[in-house]
Amino acid sequence: MKAAVLFKPNEPLQVLECELDPPKALEVRVKMKAAGVCQSDWHVMNGDWPSPMPIVPGHEAAGEILECGPGVTTVKPGDHVIFSFRPHCGRCRYCSQGRTVLCIGRSGSPPGALYDGTLRIKHKGQGINQMARIGTFAEEVVVPEEMVVPIRKDMPWAQAALVGCCVATGVGAVTRHAKIEAGSTVLVIGCGGVGLNAIQGAVLSGAGKIVAADILDNKLEMARTFGATHTINTATDNDPVKKVKEITGLGVDYSFDAVSNDRTQALAFDALAPGGHAVAVGISAATVRASYSPFMMVFAEKTVSGTFYGSVRPDLDFPVLVDHYMNKRLNIDGLISRTYKLQDINDGFKRMMAGEVARGVVVFE
């Protein structure tokens, strides 16, 4: 089978013929059907997130179960599944609390390897790591059983793939993490795949005014089609905080930063009304630092929090999000700006970084 392999940061992915070992106990082999091209993959590819090399990136995907190892009970061959890039041991303190995205029960195995510490993908005898232990830029993968979630079979593959990351993260940040109230005013910073889904989460929750902020007009136009009531171009507006307050009065009740750099974090905090809640959703480079005013945090009772993976519970939430799409409560079709074949994956990342797409998807035959 073929896989897109990264040997060194800041080098192009190489699509290579690789070998795949069969699944061991509590593992499954999956035929990939679609995989999203995501900013998180780019963080691995450019070295923002130090990762073991060589590695197959990719974490937002859907596929069909081909084979199950001994002891697998939750899926069977022929099942359609969405990948979850977080472990779920079911026993640690966080899984026991229902906060499965914070699972620490699998922290003993090396990053990039499966839980027994070994690698399943090989190229000319060399072991290849898998991003988040799934590495979905490959025609087939072997992954832990707990990292796939079965879904209904009438869900289209490309749309199913996006549920596994950008849809779950954006919608979940609003509905699972912040749990906003109907009528709330909301600011969403960054209108890529995650930000557009935060807007959709705000619509699902009955938000009042939804302000979208970005540096590209084409993304702001797209934000309106997903439910934004107002837009701000922060590249041309000299005082976006003032603009937010002109739109909302005191500021917003909730802000969701899908970029998470020092400037966007400041905007997310400063644009809050008293008692407001700023949520960091996007994952920055590890070296980024942000500044807030402790004075305003105290006297205006502002809250700052972070959400990983939208604080979702994949086993429960992925099927619900699929149902929302099938019942026309979520627009996932509009997220898919382009599709690619695996051999064109480097072009997909170029277009993503140029701001040309909401989401590109690699579609496998």
Protein backbone atom coordinates (compact mmCIF):
# COMPACT_ATOMS: atom_id res chain seq x y z
CA MET A 1 0.00 0.00 0.00
CA LYS A 2 1.05 3.62 -0.48
CA ALA A 3 1.62 6.18 2.27
CA ALA A 4 2.75 9.82 2.39
CA VAL A 5 5.91 9.83 4.51
CA LEU A 6 7.75 12.77 6.08
CA PHE A 7 11.44 12.06 6.68
CA LYS A 8 12.51 15.53 7.92
CA PRO A 9 10.64 18.70 8.91
CA ASN A 10 10.16 21.28 6.14
CA GLU A 11 10.59 18.69 3.39
CA PRO A 12 7.81 17.59 1.00
CA LEU A 13 5.88 14.45 1.80
CA GLN A 14 7.01 11.43 -0.23
CA VAL A 15 4.32 9.04 -1.45
CA LEU A 16 5.97 5.62 -1.18
CA GLU A 17 5.12 1.94 -1.45
CA CYS A 18 5.07 0.61 2.12
CA GLU A 19 4.37 -2.65 3.89
CA LEU A 20 1.74 -2.97 6.61
CA ASP A 21 1.95 -5.58 9.36
CA PRO A 22 -1.37 -7.23 10.37
CA PRO A 23 -3.26 -6.12 13.46
CA LYS A 24 -2.37 -7.56 16.84
CA ALA A 25 -4.69 -7.95 19.83
CA LEU A 26 -7.21 -5.07 20.19
CA GLU A 27 -6.11 -3.56 16.86
CA VAL A 28 -7.90 -3.16 13.54
CA ARG A 29 -6.83 -2.74 9.91
CA VAL A 30 -8.70 0.00 8.08
CA LYS A 31 -8.96 0.82 4.38
CA MET A 32 -8.77 4.60 4.14
CA LYS A 33 -11.58 6.30 2.24
CA ALA A 34 -10.97 10.02 2.92
CA ALA A 35 -8.56 12.15 4.98
CA GLY A 36 -8.71 15.89 5.63
CA VAL A 37 -5.73 18.21 5.08
CA CYS A 38 -5.45 20.02 8.43
CA GLN A 39 -3.31 22.71 10.04
CA SER A 40 -2.34 20.25 12.76
CA ASP A 41 -0.62 18.07 10.16
CA TRP A 42 1.28 21.16 9.03
CA HIS A 43 2.53 21.73 12.59
CA VAL A 44 4.16 18.29 12.40
CA MET A 45 5.48 18.85 8.89
CA ASN A 46 7.16 22.20 9.66
CA GLY A 47 8.59 21.14 13.02
CA ASP A 48 6.32 23.24 15.27
CA TRP A 49 5.42 20.03 17.09
CA PRO A 50 8.54 17.86 17.50
CA SER A 51 7.65 14.37 16.29
CA PRO A 52 9.53 11.10 15.74
CA MET A 53 10.72 10.69 12.15
CA PRO A 54 10.04 9.26 9.66
CA ILE A 55 6.29 9.67 10.12
CA VAL A 56 3.02 9.41 8.22
CA PRO A 57 0.97 12.54 9.08
CA GLY A 58 -2.82 12.66 8.95
CA HIS A 59 -5.42 12.39 11.71
CA GLU A 60 -8.80 13.53 10.30
CA ALA A 61 -10.20 10.57 8.40
CA ALA A 62 -12.80 7.91 7.75
CA GLY A 63 -12.53 4.39 6.40
CA GLU A 64 -13.81 0.82 6.33
CA ILE A 65 -12.76 -1.96 8.68
CA LEU A 66 -10.93 -4.73 6.79
CA GLU A 67 -9.62 -6.95 9.58
CA CYS A 68 -9.84 -7.22 13.35
CA GLY A 69 -7.18 -8.54 15.69
CA PRO A 70 -7.92 -10.84 18.65
CA GLY A 71 -10.22 -9.40 21.31
CA VAL A 72 -11.83 -6.68 19.19
CA THR A 73 -15.52 -6.34 20.08
CA THR A 74 -16.71 -2.85 19.12
CA VAL A 75 -16.30 -3.11 15.33
CA LYS A 76 -16.26 -5.81 12.65
CA PRO A 77 -15.09 -6.08 9.02
CA GLY A 78 -17.27 -3.95 6.75
CA ASP A 79 -18.07 -1.33 9.40
CA HIS A 80 -17.66 2.32 8.44
CA VAL A 81 -15.65 4.28 10.99
CA ILE A 82 -14.34 7.75 11.80
CA PHE A 83 -10.90 7.96 13.37
CA SER A 84 -10.43 9.58 16.77
CA PHE A 85 -6.91 10.92 17.26
CA ARG A 86 -7.10 10.62 21.05
CA PRO A 87 -6.73 7.42 23.08
CA HIS A 88 -9.57 6.29 25.30
CA CYS A 89 -8.37 3.73 27.81
CA GLY A 90 -11.66 3.85 29.75
CA ARG A 91 -9.93 3.49 33.11
CA CYS A 92 -7.80 6.54 33.92
CA ARG A 93 -9.08 9.43 36.06
CA TYR A 94 -10.10 11.48 33.01
CA CYS A 95 -11.85 8.70 31.13
CA SER A 96 -13.69 7.89 34.36
CA GLN A 97 -14.89 11.50 34.48
CA GLY A 98 -16.08 11.41 30.86
CA ARG A 99 -13.22 13.69 29.76
CA THR A 100 -11.82 11.17 27.34
CA VAL A 101 -9.80 13.63 25.25
CA LEU A 102 -7.53 14.05 28.29
CA CYS A 103 -6.89 10.28 28.61
CA ILE A 104 -3.55 9.51 30.28
CA GLY A 105 -3.93 5.75 30.33
CA ARG A 106 -1.85 5.25 27.17
CA SER A 107 1.00 7.63 27.95
CA GLY A 108 3.52 4.82 28.46
CA SER A 109 3.95 4.02 24.75
CA PRO A 110 6.22 6.16 22.52
CA PRO A 111 4.49 8.81 20.41
CA GLY A 112 4.00 7.58 16.87
CA ALA A 113 4.01 3.90 17.86
CA LEU A 114 1.12 1.64 18.75
CA TYR A 115 0.44 0.82 22.37
CA ASP A 116 2.92 -2.07 22.50
CA GLY A 117 5.67 0.32 21.38
CA THR A 118 6.11 -1.18 17.91
CA LEU A 119 5.48 0.18 14.41
CA ARG A 120 3.13 -1.38 11.84
CA ILE A 121 4.14 0.57 8.70
CA LYS A 122 7.49 -0.27 7.09
CA HIS A 123 9.38 1.09 4.08
CA LYS A 124 12.24 -1.09 2.87
CA GLY A 125 12.46 -2.56 6.34
CA GLN A 126 12.50 0.80 8.15
CA GLY A 127 9.72 1.41 10.66
CA ILE A 128 7.50 4.43 10.01
CA ASN A 129 5.74 6.30 12.82
CA GLN A 130 2.06 7.25 12.63
CA MET A 131 0.90 10.72 13.68
CA ALA A 132 -1.35 10.39 16.75
CA ARG A 133 -0.85 6.61 16.34
CA ILE A 134 -3.17 6.64 13.32
CA GLY A 135 -1.24 8.39 10.48
CA THR A 136 -4.11 8.53 8.02
CA PHE A 137 -2.30 9.72 4.86
CA ALA A 138 -2.02 6.08 3.84
CA GLU A 139 -4.15 3.70 1.81
CA GLU A 140 -4.42 1.33 4.78
CA VAL A 141 -3.52 1.59 8.46
CA VAL A 142 -3.47 -0.55 11.57
CA VAL A 143 -4.66 1.32 14.66
CA PRO A 144 -5.96 0.59 18.17
CA GLU A 145 -9.61 -0.45 18.27
CA GLU A 146 -10.48 2.39 20.64
CA MET A 147 -9.39 5.00 18.07
CA VAL A 148 -12.15 4.22 15.57
CA VAL A 149 -15.84 5.04 16.03
CA PRO A 150 -18.47 3.15 14.00
CA ILE A 151 -21.04 5.26 12.14
CA ARG A 152 -24.06 4.78 9.87
CA LYS A 153 -23.19 3.57 6.38
CA ASP A 154 -25.12 6.22 4.42
CA MET A 155 -22.76 8.99 5.57
CA PRO A 156 -20.55 10.19 2.64
CA TRP A 157 -16.86 9.44 3.16
CA ALA A 158 -15.35 12.92 2.73
CA GLN A 159 -17.91 14.49 5.05
CA ALA A 160 -17.40 11.71 7.59
CA ALA A 161 -13.65 12.37 7.61
CA LEU A 162 -14.15 16.01 8.62
CA VAL A 163 -16.31 15.00 11.58
CA GLY A 164 -13.15 13.42 13.01
CA CYS A 165 -11.40 16.75 13.60
CA CYS A 166 -12.57 20.16 12.38
CA VAL A 167 -16.30 19.55 12.84
CA ALA A 168 -15.93 17.94 16.26
CA THR A 169 -13.41 20.54 17.44
CA GLY A 170 -15.33 23.61 16.30
CA VAL A 171 -18.84 22.51 17.19
CA GLY A 172 -17.66 20.85 20.41
CA ALA A 173 -15.81 23.97 21.60
CA VAL A 174 -19.13 25.80 21.64
CA THR A 175 -21.59 23.10 22.64
CA ARG A 176 -19.50 20.74 24.79
CA HIS A 177 -16.85 23.00 26.33
CA ALA A 178 -18.38 26.47 26.67
CA LYS A 179 -22.02 25.30 26.65
CA ILE A 180 -23.18 28.72 25.50
CA GLU A 181 -26.69 29.91 26.28
CA ALA A 182 -29.30 30.75 23.65
CA GLY A 183 -29.14 34.44 22.77
CA SER A 184 -25.43 34.78 23.59
CA THR A 185 -23.17 37.05 21.57
CA VAL A 186 -20.19 35.24 20.09
CA LEU A 187 -16.87 36.14 18.42
CA VAL A 188 -15.06 33.53 16.33
CA ILE A 189 -11.47 34.37 15.34
CA GLY A 190 -10.12 32.50 12.32
CA CYS A 191 -12.53 31.20 9.69
CA GLY A 192 -10.84 28.03 8.50
CA GLY A 193 -12.36 24.60 9.05
CA VAL A 194 -12.43 24.80 12.87
CA GLY A 195 -13.65 28.40 13.02
CA LEU A 196 -16.47 27.78 10.54
CA ASN A 197 -17.62 24.89 12.70
CA ALA A 198 -17.48 27.03 15.82
CA ILE A 199 -19.86 29.35 13.97
CA GLN A 200 -22.09 26.37 13.22
CA GLY A 201 -21.95 25.36 16.88
CA ALA A 202 -23.09 28.85 17.84
CA VAL A 203 -25.99 28.61 15.39
CA LEU A 204 -26.98 25.19 16.78
CA SER A 205 -26.94 26.68 20.28
CA GLY A 206 -29.22 29.58 19.36
CA ALA A 207 -26.64 32.37 19.64
CA GLY A 208 -27.79 35.91 18.89
CA LYS A 209 -25.06 37.93 17.18
CA ILE A 210 -22.18 35.89 15.77
CA VAL A 211 -19.14 37.96 14.78
CA ALA A 212 -16.50 36.34 12.55
CA ALA A 213 -12.96 37.76 12.36
CA ASP A 214 -10.25 36.88 9.85
CA ILE A 215 -7.56 38.53 7.72
CA LEU A 216 -8.97 37.27 4.40
CA ASP A 217 -12.18 38.58 2.84
CA ASN A 218 -12.92 35.29 1.06
CA LYS A 219 -12.98 33.50 4.41
CA LEU A 220 -15.25 36.15 5.90
CA GLU A 221 -17.65 35.73 2.99
CA MET A 222 -17.68 31.98 3.68
CA ALA A 223 -18.29 32.64 7.38
CA ARG A 224 -21.56 34.38 6.51
CA THR A 225 -22.75 31.31 4.63
CA PHE A 226 -22.17 29.27 7.79
CA GLY A 227 -24.15 31.60 10.04
CA ALA A 228 -22.03 34.63 10.96
CA THR A 229 -24.19 37.74 11.33
CA HIS A 230 -21.26 40.21 11.25
CA THR A 231 -17.66 40.10 9.99
CA ILE A 232 -14.43 41.97 10.76
CA ASN A 233 -11.27 41.95 8.66
CA THR A 234 -8.57 42.31 11.32
CA ALA A 235 -5.94 43.07 8.67
CA THR A 236 -7.68 46.27 7.59
CA ASP A 237 -9.61 47.28 10.72
CA ASN A 238 -7.32 49.27 13.01
CA ASP A 239 -9.36 48.58 16.15
CA PRO A 240 -11.25 45.26 15.97
CA VAL A 241 -12.09 45.39 19.69
CA LYS A 242 -13.87 48.70 19.17
CA LYS A 243 -15.68 47.20 16.18
CA VAL A 244 -16.86 44.22 18.23
CA LYS A 245 -18.23 46.57 20.89
CA GLU A 246 -19.98 48.69 18.27
CA ILE A 247 -21.75 45.56 17.09
CA THR A 248 -22.55 44.05 20.48
CA GLY A 249 -22.59 46.92 22.99
CA LEU A 250 -20.46 45.74 25.91
CA GLY A 251 -18.52 43.10 23.99
CA VAL A 252 -19.22 39.43 23.41
CA ASP A 253 -20.30 36.86 25.96
CA TYR A 254 -18.05 34.23 24.39
CA SER A 255 -15.03 34.31 22.10
CA PHE A 256 -13.51 31.31 20.33
CA ASP A 257 -9.97 31.65 19.00
CA ALA A 258 -9.36 29.11 16.26
CA VAL A 259 -5.87 30.56 15.59
CA SER A 260 -4.33 30.95 19.06
CA ASN A 261 -1.33 33.20 18.58
CA ASP A 262 -0.35 36.13 20.79
CA ARG A 263 -2.42 38.67 18.80
CA THR A 264 -5.56 36.60 18.45
CA GLN A 265 -5.50 35.62 22.12
CA ALA A 266 -5.35 39.30 23.08
CA LEU A 267 -8.30 40.05 20.80
CA ALA A 268 -10.31 37.15 22.22
CA PHE A 269 -9.81 38.49 25.76
CA ASP A 270 -10.18 42.21 25.11
CA ALA A 271 -13.38 41.78 23.08
CA LEU A 272 -15.21 40.13 25.99
CA ALA A 273 -18.03 41.82 27.87
CA PRO A 274 -17.79 41.73 31.68
CA GLY A 275 -18.34 38.15 32.78
CA GLY A 276 -17.33 36.87 29.34
CA HIS A 277 -15.52 33.65 28.52
CA ALA A 278 -12.61 33.41 26.04
CA VAL A 279 -11.87 29.92 24.70
CA ALA A 280 -8.59 28.96 23.01
CA VAL A 281 -9.47 26.36 20.36
CA GLY A 282 -6.64 26.42 17.80
CA ILE A 283 -3.34 24.79 18.74
CA SER A 284 -0.33 27.06 18.47
CA ALA A 285 3.35 26.28 18.20
CA ALA A 286 4.73 25.21 21.58
CA THR A 287 6.78 28.42 21.92
CA VAL A 288 3.86 30.87 21.61
CA ARG A 289 3.02 32.96 24.69
CA ALA A 290 -0.02 35.19 25.23
CA SER A 291 -0.63 38.19 27.51
CA TYR A 292 -3.80 39.15 29.38
CA SER A 293 -4.67 41.88 31.82
CA PRO A 294 -5.03 40.33 35.30
CA PHE A 295 -6.61 43.63 36.34
CA MET A 296 -9.43 43.21 33.83
CA MET A 297 -9.70 39.49 34.53
CA VAL A 298 -10.45 40.28 38.18
CA PHE A 299 -12.55 43.43 37.92
CA ALA A 300 -14.55 42.28 34.88
CA GLU A 301 -14.68 38.63 36.00
CA LYS A 302 -13.45 37.39 32.64
CA THR A 303 -12.66 33.72 32.12
CA VAL A 304 -10.00 32.20 29.85
CA SER A 305 -9.95 28.49 29.10
CA GLY A 306 -8.66 26.04 26.54
CA THR A 307 -10.43 23.18 24.83
CA PHE A 308 -8.68 20.23 23.22
CA TYR A 309 -10.59 18.47 20.43
CA GLY A 310 -13.65 20.53 21.37
CA SER A 311 -13.86 18.56 24.65
CA VAL A 312 -15.91 15.98 22.72
CA ARG A 313 -16.53 12.37 23.67
CA PRO A 314 -15.93 10.74 20.28
CA ASP A 315 -17.81 7.50 20.92
CA LEU A 316 -20.94 9.49 21.79
CA ASP A 317 -20.54 12.68 19.79
CA PHE A 318 -19.36 11.49 16.36
CA PRO A 319 -22.60 9.59 15.61
CA VAL A 320 -24.62 12.61 16.78
CA LEU A 321 -22.67 14.97 14.51
CA VAL A 322 -23.19 12.53 11.63
CA ASP A 323 -26.93 12.59 12.33
CA HIS A 324 -26.87 16.41 12.39
CA TYR A 325 -25.32 16.38 8.92
CA MET A 326 -27.74 13.80 7.55
CA ASN A 327 -30.66 15.79 8.99
CA LYS A 328 -29.31 19.02 7.41
CA ARG A 329 -28.50 20.71 10.72
CA LEU A 330 -24.78 20.91 9.88
CA ASN A 331 -23.26 22.10 6.62
CA ILE A 332 -20.24 19.90 5.96
CA ASP A 333 -20.54 19.95 2.17
CA GLY A 334 -19.64 23.65 2.17
CA LEU A 335 -16.41 22.97 4.06
CA ILE A 336 -14.96 20.83 1.27
CA SER A 337 -13.29 23.29 -1.09
CA ARG A 338 -11.12 20.79 -2.98
CA THR A 339 -10.41 17.09 -3.17
CA TYR A 340 -7.06 15.50 -4.02
CA LYS A 341 -5.53 12.15 -4.75
CA LEU A 342 -2.82 10.97 -2.37
CA GLN A 343 -0.06 11.80 -4.86
CA ASP A 344 -1.23 15.44 -4.89
CA ILE A 345 -1.09 15.89 -1.13
CA ASN A 346 1.73 18.46 -1.13
CA ASP A 347 -0.39 20.69 -3.38
CA GLY A 348 -3.16 20.36 -0.81
CA PHE A 349 -0.94 21.82 1.89
CA LYS A 350 0.21 24.66 -0.37
CA ARG A 351 -3.38 25.65 -1.04
CA MET A 352 -4.27 25.40 2.64
CA MET A 353 -1.41 27.68 3.69
CA ALA A 354 -2.34 30.17 0.95
CA GLY A 355 -5.82 30.46 2.46
CA GLU A 356 -7.51 29.16 -0.69
CA VAL A 357 -9.64 26.47 0.98
CA ALA A 358 -11.84 25.89 4.00
CA ARG A 359 -10.87 22.23 3.90
CA GLY A 360 -9.13 20.05 1.36
CA VAL A 361 -9.75 16.32 1.45
CA VAL A 362 -7.65 13.45 0.13
CA VAL A 363 -10.05 10.93 -1.40
CA PHE A 364 -8.84 7.35 -1.78
CA GLU A 365 -10.10 5.01 -4.48
